[in-house]
Every structure is written in C-alpha cells, then in structure tokens.
Protein backbone atom coordinates (compact mmCIF):
# COMPACT_ATOMS: atom_id res chain seq x y z
CA MET A 1 -88.01 -17.81 21.85
CA PRO A 2 -87.44 -14.74 23.31
CA ARG A 3 -89.94 -11.97 21.80
CA SER A 4 -86.52 -9.73 20.85
CA ALA A 5 -85.57 -12.37 18.84
CA TRP A 6 -88.07 -12.51 15.88
CA VAL A 7 -89.44 -8.61 16.39
CA TYR A 8 -86.32 -6.97 15.39
CA PRO A 9 -85.45 -8.66 12.41
CA LEU A 10 -88.91 -8.28 11.44
CA LEU A 11 -88.62 -4.48 12.92
CA ALA A 12 -85.53 -4.24 10.58
CA VAL A 13 -87.32 -4.87 7.40
CA VAL A 14 -89.41 -2.04 8.12
CA PHE A 15 -87.28 0.59 9.65
CA TYR A 16 -85.38 0.39 6.06
CA ILE A 17 -88.49 0.65 4.10
CA ALA A 18 -89.39 3.77 6.39
CA ALA A 19 -86.23 5.04 5.71
CA SER A 20 -85.71 4.75 2.10
CA ALA A 21 -89.58 6.76 1.24
CA TYR A 22 -88.25 9.00 3.74
CA GLY A 23 -84.91 9.90 2.11
CA TYR A 24 -82.48 8.66 4.45
CA ALA A 25 -79.68 8.43 1.99
CA THR A 26 -75.81 9.36 0.81
CA PRO A 27 -75.10 11.68 1.48
CA PHE A 28 -75.45 12.01 5.68
CA VAL A 29 -77.38 15.49 6.07
CA PRO A 30 -77.44 16.80 10.15
CA THR A 31 -81.01 17.60 10.46
CA LEU A 32 -83.35 16.96 13.78
CA GLY A 33 -85.12 14.87 11.87
CA ASN A 34 -82.11 13.09 10.24
CA GLY A 35 -80.11 12.60 13.87
CA ALA A 36 -83.22 11.26 15.33
CA ILE A 37 -83.23 8.38 12.65
CA ALA A 38 -79.99 7.85 13.27
CA ILE A 39 -80.21 7.26 16.74
CA LEU A 40 -83.54 4.75 15.88
CA LEU A 41 -81.09 3.14 13.30
CA ALA A 42 -78.34 2.24 15.55
CA VAL A 43 -80.85 0.91 17.89
CA VAL A 44 -82.43 -1.70 15.37
CA LEU A 45 -79.32 -2.61 13.58
CA PHE A 46 -77.54 -3.92 16.98
CA GLY A 47 -80.96 -5.34 17.88
CA THR A 48 -81.06 -7.17 15.39
CA ILE A 49 -77.32 -8.10 15.25
CA PHE A 50 -78.14 -10.07 18.28
CA ALA A 51 -81.66 -11.47 16.95
CA ALA A 52 -79.11 -13.19 14.33
CA VAL A 53 -76.34 -14.19 17.13
CA TYR A 54 -79.35 -16.52 18.93
CA HIS A 55 -80.95 -17.57 15.94
CA ALA A 56 -77.41 -19.28 14.12
CA GLU A 57 -76.73 -20.53 17.84
CA ILE A 58 -79.85 -22.60 17.30
CA ILE A 59 -78.82 -23.79 14.52
CA ALA A 60 -75.25 -24.52 15.47
CA HIS A 61 -76.62 -26.11 18.40
CA VAL A 62 -78.04 -29.01 16.30
CA THR A 63 -75.38 -29.00 13.40
CA GLY A 64 -73.08 -29.80 15.94
CA GLU A 65 -69.59 -29.08 16.02
CA PRO A 66 -67.12 -27.92 13.87
CA TYR A 67 -70.01 -26.96 11.53
CA GLY A 68 -71.69 -25.14 13.85
CA THR A 69 -69.26 -22.60 14.12
CA LEU A 70 -69.52 -21.98 10.19
CA VAL A 71 -73.11 -20.91 10.07
CA LEU A 72 -71.72 -17.77 11.73
CA THR A 73 -68.89 -17.52 9.83
CA ALA A 74 -70.75 -17.49 6.50
CA ALA A 75 -73.35 -15.23 8.25
CA VAL A 76 -70.42 -12.47 8.63
CA THR A 77 -68.65 -12.80 5.27
CA VAL A 78 -72.22 -12.18 3.79
CA ILE A 79 -72.70 -9.27 5.38
CA GLU A 80 -69.53 -8.14 4.84
CA VAL A 81 -69.52 -8.72 1.25
CA ALA A 82 -72.71 -7.21 0.63
CA LEU A 83 -71.72 -3.81 2.71
CA ILE A 84 -68.44 -3.33 0.96
CA ALA A 85 -70.06 -4.16 -2.40
CA SER A 86 -72.45 -1.59 -1.57
CA ILE A 87 -70.10 1.14 -0.83
CA MET A 88 -67.67 0.06 -4.03
CA ILE A 89 -71.13 0.56 -6.05
CA SER A 90 -72.40 3.41 -4.73
CA ASP A 91 -69.79 5.53 -4.02
CA GLU A 92 -67.83 7.54 -7.09
CA SER A 93 -64.44 7.09 -6.17
CA GLY A 94 -64.95 3.63 -5.85
CA SER A 95 -63.54 3.44 -1.72
CA PRO A 96 -60.35 1.94 -3.60
CA ALA A 97 -58.81 1.22 -0.12
CA LEU A 98 -61.79 0.02 1.85
CA ALA A 99 -61.41 -3.63 1.03
CA ARG A 100 -57.86 -3.29 2.26
CA ASP A 101 -59.17 -1.78 5.57
CA THR A 102 -61.84 -4.21 6.28
CA VAL A 103 -59.63 -7.06 5.90
CA PHE A 104 -57.04 -5.87 7.62
CA SER A 105 -59.07 -4.70 10.80
CA VAL A 106 -60.67 -7.82 10.82
CA VAL A 107 -57.17 -9.49 11.32
CA MET A 108 -56.15 -7.39 14.02
CA ILE A 109 -59.89 -7.25 16.34
CA VAL A 110 -59.91 -11.25 15.72
CA CYS A 111 -56.27 -12.11 16.66
CA THR A 112 -55.92 -9.17 19.23
CA GLY A 113 -58.98 -7.59 20.10
CA LEU A 114 -61.24 -10.86 20.17
CA ALA A 115 -59.37 -13.39 21.24
CA GLY A 116 -57.30 -11.34 24.03
CA ILE A 117 -61.02 -10.65 25.60
CA CYS A 118 -61.93 -14.48 24.85
CA ILE A 119 -58.57 -15.89 26.60
CA LEU A 120 -58.94 -13.49 29.68
CA GLY A 121 -62.51 -14.18 30.27
CA GLY A 122 -62.38 -17.50 30.20
CA SER A 123 -59.01 -17.72 32.17
CA LEU A 124 -60.54 -15.02 35.05
CA ARG A 125 -63.10 -17.57 35.46
CA PHE A 126 -61.52 -20.78 35.14
CA ARG A 127 -58.01 -20.00 35.32
CA GLU A 128 -56.39 -21.79 32.94
CA GLN A 129 -58.13 -23.59 30.07
CA ARG A 130 -57.37 -26.08 27.37
CA TYR A 131 -58.06 -26.30 23.36
CA GLY A 132 -56.57 -27.79 20.07
CA SER A 133 -52.99 -26.64 19.34
CA VAL A 134 -53.26 -28.42 15.99
CA GLY A 135 -56.33 -27.00 15.01
CA ALA A 136 -54.86 -23.35 15.89
CA SER A 137 -51.89 -23.96 14.04
CA ALA A 138 -53.87 -24.96 11.05
CA TYR A 139 -55.81 -21.89 11.22
CA LEU A 140 -52.47 -19.44 11.88
CA THR A 141 -51.05 -20.95 9.10
CA VAL A 142 -53.58 -20.65 6.36
CA LEU A 143 -54.02 -17.14 8.05
CA ILE A 144 -50.48 -15.95 7.84
CA VAL A 145 -49.68 -17.40 3.64
CA LEU A 146 -53.33 -15.15 2.96
CA ALA A 147 -52.57 -12.17 4.94
CA THR A 148 -49.09 -12.13 3.07
CA LEU A 149 -50.72 -12.69 -0.66
CA THR A 150 -53.46 -9.62 -0.17
CA LEU A 151 -52.34 -7.62 2.18
CA VAL A 152 -48.50 -7.66 1.66
CA LEU A 153 -47.33 -8.85 -1.50
CA PRO A 154 -49.30 -5.89 -3.36
CA ASN A 155 -46.57 -3.83 -2.35
CA TYR A 156 -43.34 -5.45 -4.06
CA THR A 157 -44.70 -6.60 -7.24
CA GLN A 158 -43.14 -4.65 -10.60
CA GLU A 159 -46.04 -5.07 -12.95
CA VAL A 160 -47.95 -2.37 -11.84
CA LYS A 161 -46.48 0.52 -8.97
CA GLY A 162 -47.84 0.71 -6.12
CA PRO A 163 -49.98 -1.42 -3.34
CA SER A 164 -52.07 -2.87 -6.00
CA TYR A 165 -52.14 -5.73 -8.34
CA SER A 166 -52.84 -5.80 -12.07
CA ASP A 167 -55.88 -7.84 -13.61
CA MET A 168 -54.30 -11.10 -14.35
CA GLN A 169 -52.05 -10.75 -10.87
CA LEU A 170 -56.00 -10.32 -8.58
CA VAL A 171 -57.36 -12.93 -10.63
CA PHE A 172 -54.16 -15.72 -9.88
CA VAL A 173 -54.28 -14.50 -5.86
CA ALA A 174 -57.71 -14.36 -5.62
CA VAL A 175 -58.13 -18.48 -7.15
CA MET A 176 -55.64 -19.00 -4.71
CA THR A 177 -57.68 -18.01 -1.69
CA LEU A 178 -60.00 -19.90 -3.17
CA VAL A 179 -58.04 -22.87 -3.29
CA LEU A 180 -56.49 -22.88 0.19
CA TYR A 181 -59.74 -21.87 1.83
CA ALA A 182 -61.66 -24.56 0.07
CA ALA A 183 -58.70 -26.99 1.43
CA PHE A 184 -59.09 -25.76 4.64
CA LEU A 185 -62.71 -26.48 4.96
CA TYR A 186 -61.92 -29.66 3.88
CA ILE A 187 -59.78 -30.12 6.75
CA GLN A 188 -61.85 -28.86 9.32
CA THR A 189 -65.10 -30.34 8.26
CA VAL A 190 -63.91 -34.30 6.58
CA ARG A 191 -60.37 -34.89 6.89
CA HIS A 192 -59.25 -33.99 10.31
CA ARG A 193 -62.40 -32.72 12.58
CA GLU A 194 -60.87 -33.53 15.40
CA TYR A 195 -58.59 -30.87 15.56
CA PHE A 196 -61.46 -28.53 16.10
CA ILE A 197 -63.32 -30.49 18.33
CA THR A 198 -63.61 -29.14 22.08
CA LEU A 199 -61.32 -30.98 24.44
CA SER A 200 -62.80 -29.93 27.82
CA ASP A 201 -64.31 -32.91 29.52
CA ASP A 202 -66.39 -31.07 31.71
CA THR A 203 -67.79 -29.03 28.76
CA PRO A 204 -71.89 -28.46 29.60
CA ASP A 205 -74.32 -29.95 26.73
CA HIS A 206 -75.84 -27.78 24.89
CA THR A 207 -77.65 -30.21 22.64
CA HIS A 208 -80.91 -30.05 24.35
CA ALA A 209 -83.69 -31.18 22.43
CA ILE A 210 -85.05 -28.88 19.87
CA SER A 211 -87.69 -29.13 17.56
CA GLY A 212 -87.72 -29.27 13.99
CA ARG A 213 -90.31 -26.29 13.72
CA MET A 214 -87.91 -24.43 15.86
CA VAL A 215 -84.34 -25.18 13.97
CA ALA A 216 -86.84 -23.99 10.87
CA THR A 217 -87.86 -20.34 11.99
CA SER A 218 -84.48 -19.87 13.40
CA ILE A 219 -83.30 -20.30 9.57
CA VAL A 220 -86.36 -18.41 7.82
CA LEU A 221 -85.28 -15.16 10.83
CA LEU A 222 -81.30 -15.25 10.43
CA LEU A 223 -81.72 -15.16 6.62
CA ILE A 224 -83.85 -12.14 7.21
CA ALA A 225 -81.37 -10.89 10.13
CA LEU A 226 -79.21 -10.97 7.87
CA GLY A 227 -80.29 -9.19 4.72
CA ALA A 228 -82.08 -6.64 6.92
CA VAL A 229 -78.48 -5.60 8.72
CA VAL A 230 -77.31 -5.74 5.11
CA LEU A 231 -79.33 -3.14 3.71
CA LEU A 232 -79.49 -0.52 7.47
CA SER A 233 -75.64 -1.12 7.35
CA LYS A 234 -75.49 0.40 4.19
CA LYS A 235 -77.08 4.14 5.59
CA PHE A 236 -75.37 3.10 8.60
CA ALA A 237 -72.02 3.91 7.10
CA ASN A 238 -73.81 6.95 6.13
CA VAL A 239 -73.89 8.26 9.35
CA VAL A 240 -70.35 6.80 10.60
CA GLU A 241 -68.62 8.40 7.09
CA PHE A 242 -70.19 11.56 8.21
CA GLY A 243 -68.84 11.43 11.16
CA ARG A 244 -65.42 10.49 10.66
CA GLU A 245 -65.30 13.60 8.55
CA ALA A 246 -66.74 15.77 10.94
CA ILE A 247 -64.16 15.04 13.42
CA GLY A 248 -61.27 14.57 10.52
CA ALA A 249 -60.68 10.76 11.52
CA PRO A 250 -58.34 9.14 9.13
CA PRO A 251 -60.23 7.23 6.09
CA ALA A 252 -59.18 3.69 7.53
CA VAL A 253 -61.75 4.60 10.70
CA THR A 254 -64.50 2.89 8.15
CA GLY A 255 -63.27 0.06 7.33
CA LEU A 256 -62.47 -0.17 11.32
CA VAL A 257 -65.83 0.38 12.36
CA VAL A 258 -67.17 -2.21 8.93
CA ALA A 259 -65.45 -4.30 10.98
CA ILE A 260 -66.55 -4.31 14.41
CA LEU A 261 -69.77 -4.16 12.96
CA VAL A 262 -70.13 -7.54 10.83
CA LEU A 263 -67.50 -9.32 13.60
CA LEU A 264 -70.15 -8.68 16.35
CA PRO A 265 -72.10 -11.38 15.71
CA GLU A 266 -69.28 -13.60 15.99
CA GLY A 267 -67.76 -11.73 18.44
CA ILE A 268 -70.29 -12.14 21.00
CA SER A 269 -70.81 -15.92 20.77
CA ALA A 270 -66.53 -16.23 20.31
CA TYR A 271 -67.12 -15.00 24.23
CA GLN A 272 -70.00 -16.59 25.66
CA ALA A 273 -68.62 -19.89 24.33
CA ALA A 274 -65.15 -19.17 26.23
CA ARG A 275 -67.03 -17.98 29.73
CA ARG A 276 -68.64 -21.58 28.83
CA ASN A 277 -65.13 -22.94 29.00
CA GLU A 278 -65.34 -23.78 25.14
CA LEU A 279 -62.35 -22.06 24.28
CA GLN A 280 -62.52 -24.11 21.42
CA LYS A 281 -65.41 -23.05 19.47
CA SER A 282 -64.63 -19.51 21.11
CA LEU A 283 -61.38 -19.82 18.54
CA ASN A 284 -62.84 -21.69 15.67
CA LEU A 285 -65.38 -18.75 15.57
CA ALA A 286 -62.76 -15.88 16.08
CA LEU A 287 -59.94 -17.45 13.97
CA GLY A 288 -62.64 -18.89 11.49
CA SER A 289 -63.91 -15.42 10.93
CA SER A 290 -60.44 -13.66 9.55
CA LEU A 291 -60.02 -16.82 7.35
CA ALA A 292 -63.48 -16.68 5.75
CA THR A 293 -62.81 -12.63 5.56
CA ILE A 294 -59.88 -12.90 3.19
CA GLY A 295 -60.50 -16.41 1.73
CA LEU A 296 -64.21 -15.57 0.40
CA THR A 297 -64.43 -11.69 1.08
CA PHE A 298 -61.27 -10.75 -1.20
CA PRO A 299 -62.25 -12.93 -4.06
CA ALA A 300 -65.66 -11.63 -4.19
CA VAL A 301 -64.37 -8.09 -3.70
CA THR A 302 -61.98 -8.86 -6.80
CA VAL A 303 -64.66 -10.12 -8.85
CA LEU A 304 -66.57 -6.65 -7.91
CA SER A 305 -63.71 -4.47 -8.84
CA LEU A 306 -63.16 -6.41 -12.63
CA ALA A 307 -66.69 -6.37 -13.37
CA LEU A 308 -67.29 -2.29 -12.31
CA HIS A 309 -63.33 -1.10 -13.42
CA LYS A 310 -62.78 -0.06 -9.58
CA PRO A 311 -59.59 -0.02 -8.26
CA LEU A 312 -58.03 -1.60 -5.72
CA VAL A 313 -55.93 -0.57 -3.02
CA LEU A 314 -54.36 -3.71 -1.56
CA GLY A 315 -50.82 -3.13 0.34
CA LEU A 316 -50.39 -2.37 3.73
CA GLU A 317 -48.62 0.85 4.86
CA PRO A 318 -45.10 -0.18 6.97
CA GLY A 319 -46.83 0.96 9.87
CA GLU A 320 -49.77 -1.49 9.55
CA THR A 321 -47.23 -4.26 8.14
CA VAL A 322 -45.23 -3.82 11.09
CA LEU A 323 -48.44 -4.23 13.78
CA MET A 324 -50.06 -7.27 11.44
CA THR A 325 -46.47 -9.39 11.77
CA LEU A 326 -46.27 -8.31 15.97
CA THR A 327 -49.54 -9.64 16.09
CA LEU A 328 -48.98 -13.18 13.62
CA VAL A 329 -46.00 -13.83 15.67
CA VAL A 330 -47.42 -13.23 18.80
CA SER A 331 -50.36 -15.15 18.13
CA ILE A 332 -48.24 -18.39 16.86
CA LEU A 333 -46.07 -18.48 20.42
CA THR A 334 -49.51 -17.43 22.53
CA LEU A 335 -51.95 -20.64 20.72
CA GLY A 336 -49.60 -22.77 19.80
CA SER A 337 -48.76 -24.20 23.62
CA GLY A 338 -52.77 -25.10 23.44
CA ARG A 339 -53.14 -24.08 27.45
CA THR A 340 -54.09 -20.14 28.63
CA ASN A 341 -53.43 -17.73 30.74
CA VAL A 342 -54.71 -14.20 31.44
CA LEU A 343 -51.08 -13.15 30.32
CA TYR A 344 -51.85 -14.03 26.88
CA GLY A 345 -55.28 -12.46 26.97
CA PHE A 346 -53.08 -8.72 28.36
CA VAL A 347 -50.45 -9.58 25.74
CA HIS A 348 -53.05 -10.01 22.54
CA LEU A 349 -54.98 -6.39 24.27
CA VAL A 350 -52.24 -4.45 24.65
CA ILE A 351 -51.87 -5.43 20.44
CA PHE A 352 -55.44 -4.16 19.88
CA GLY A 353 -54.67 -1.20 21.98
CA THR A 354 -52.30 0.10 19.90
CA PHE A 355 -53.89 -1.29 17.07
CA ILE A 356 -56.60 1.22 17.94
CA PHE A 357 -54.57 4.49 18.70
CA MET A 358 -52.68 3.84 15.65
CA THR A 359 -55.67 3.73 13.40
CA PHE A 360 -57.38 7.25 14.77
CA LEU A 361 -53.41 8.38 15.06
CA PRO A 362 -51.51 6.73 12.47
C-alpha cells in the first residue's frame, strides 16, 4: 500500500481539526493566513480524494462487477449529500437552487465530459471498444425519467407557481425516484447482471490475491477518507463561494464546482478503466453516478428541505433544459450501438465545453 493512501486521510482529519481551531470558517476572509490555509486545504483535499479512489479500487477488485462499481457510487453519493446538506443548514438563505445546480451539473459532467473523455481516451489507445448496449440503454432510460421528474416537470406544475414542487408533490416524486432507482439496482445486481459485465475477452485480470487484512484496512481508511472529504468540502466550498463572488460568476458555478469535486473519485477510476480496455466498467461508474445523484441525493435533500423548512428550486432554465435534452438524445445515439470511436468522444466533449461556457456566461 503506498504511503499516500493512508497518510492523506489521517492528515485530512488533523487538518480539519487545526483549521476549525484556527477559526477558518464562513465567511472566508482573504488574509495572508487564510490564503495559505486555502492552498494547503486544496492539496490535502485532493490528496484524500485520490486515496479514497485507491481504497475503493481495492474493495472493488475483491467484490467484482457489478458490485465493485457500486462502491465508488455510494462513496460519491455520501460526499454529495453531506456537502449539499451542510451548505443548506449553514446558509441563511438555504441555497434553494444548489441541489438543482449540482444535480444538473452532475448529469452534464457525467454524460458529456466524463463519457467523452473515457470514450476518446479508450478509442485513441484501442481504436474501437465494445460494451453492452443493453446495459447502457438501461442506464439512459432510467436517467431520462429521473431527470425529467426532478429537473423539468417542476416548471409545469399548477399547484404552486414557479420551478418548485409543493410539499406533497415533493414527497411523491422523492418516493418515485427511490422506487425506480431500487428497481434499477435489482436489475443490475440480481436479475440481469450480465447486462453490466465487461465484454472484452482481452480485459486484464485485476483480481489478484488481496489479503483480508488489506481489504479490512482499505475499508477503514476509505471511511476515514470519505468522512474527511465531507468535512473539508464544506470549508473548501467557502473558498469557492468567495472566489465566485470575486469574479462575478453566476451562482450556478458553485453547483458546478461541488459536482466536479464529488465526481473526481469516480471520474479518475472511470478514465483508468477505459484506458485498460474496460469501457463497460467505465460506463458503469460514469452513468451509475448520475443515477445515484438523482435517485439518492434528491430524496435526501427532500427530507432535509421539509424538516428544516428550506425552499427548493428545482426546475431548469430554458437554456439548461435544451442542453440537457441535447445531451440525453446524443447519449442515446452514441451509446446505443455497443461500439465506440473517437468521433463519439469528440461529440460529447463539444457539448461539455458548451455547458461549461454557458455556465459562466449564460
């Protein structure tokens, strides 16, 4: 086990305690001391994220597919829910649009940026890669329904005015998303596991012998790393919010940064899998994270919103709806053939670049 795999999680915990004792909290004040802490915070935070990736990979090798890909998906969901919840609790305004901006950013980053770079990276190395088109179609089918229920339909309801649900509507949609996501997990892990298994015959074997002690250590350190990321992410979000306001960027940029942060562990693993000619695993990680974001994060945020009486803005703006619709249509076309090439990667990355540009200049 590399030294960084256990040093960073422990260092992150120590750093959080020290930063809290120093008084490094909201709002961020741009002093020399706070600036130095911000730089150190970024180094420790991203080092801890890379450590979490390493330990999740160890556990994934032992559990096998498709269970292995669920390890990082669960980890990312925990980070995302905790980060959004902490901001909602601490912010007086409740950040009503943060959950929407984060979920939308996750869908766009996964389906355009992450999918694009994985397809392009794998195609440049292996020319063409194969994967289960039935599994990809299952992901996209569920994703279209969940995205429409949570990000589009709130704009067209009549009980309340605006891009929000009433309390009863919010509870109903939250339950439906949980039911649909649970049904998908049953298909993925029990009923039709073969849809999500790597097809390539020359996929390298990564199931080498791993001792039980090493697995137990990785489980403990993964939990520590995730907890540390959750704690440090709140402080990192303070710096991000200060930077956003300093450059005059729209509020949606905060949701974009949060989404990038929580997706980084899965993004690294997905790209590495594509470069190993394991595109099926790569798509499982990428598309699975977008489903978990809506299927688990939305119900959790709903409970928090109702319990704390915090408003939720859910409906997308017209331009965002167009971009998401374009993304889902293109994903159906490019991921429905079961084979990839560099063109598909470029197409997804062009949409991703447009999304990033429009986030800063809507």
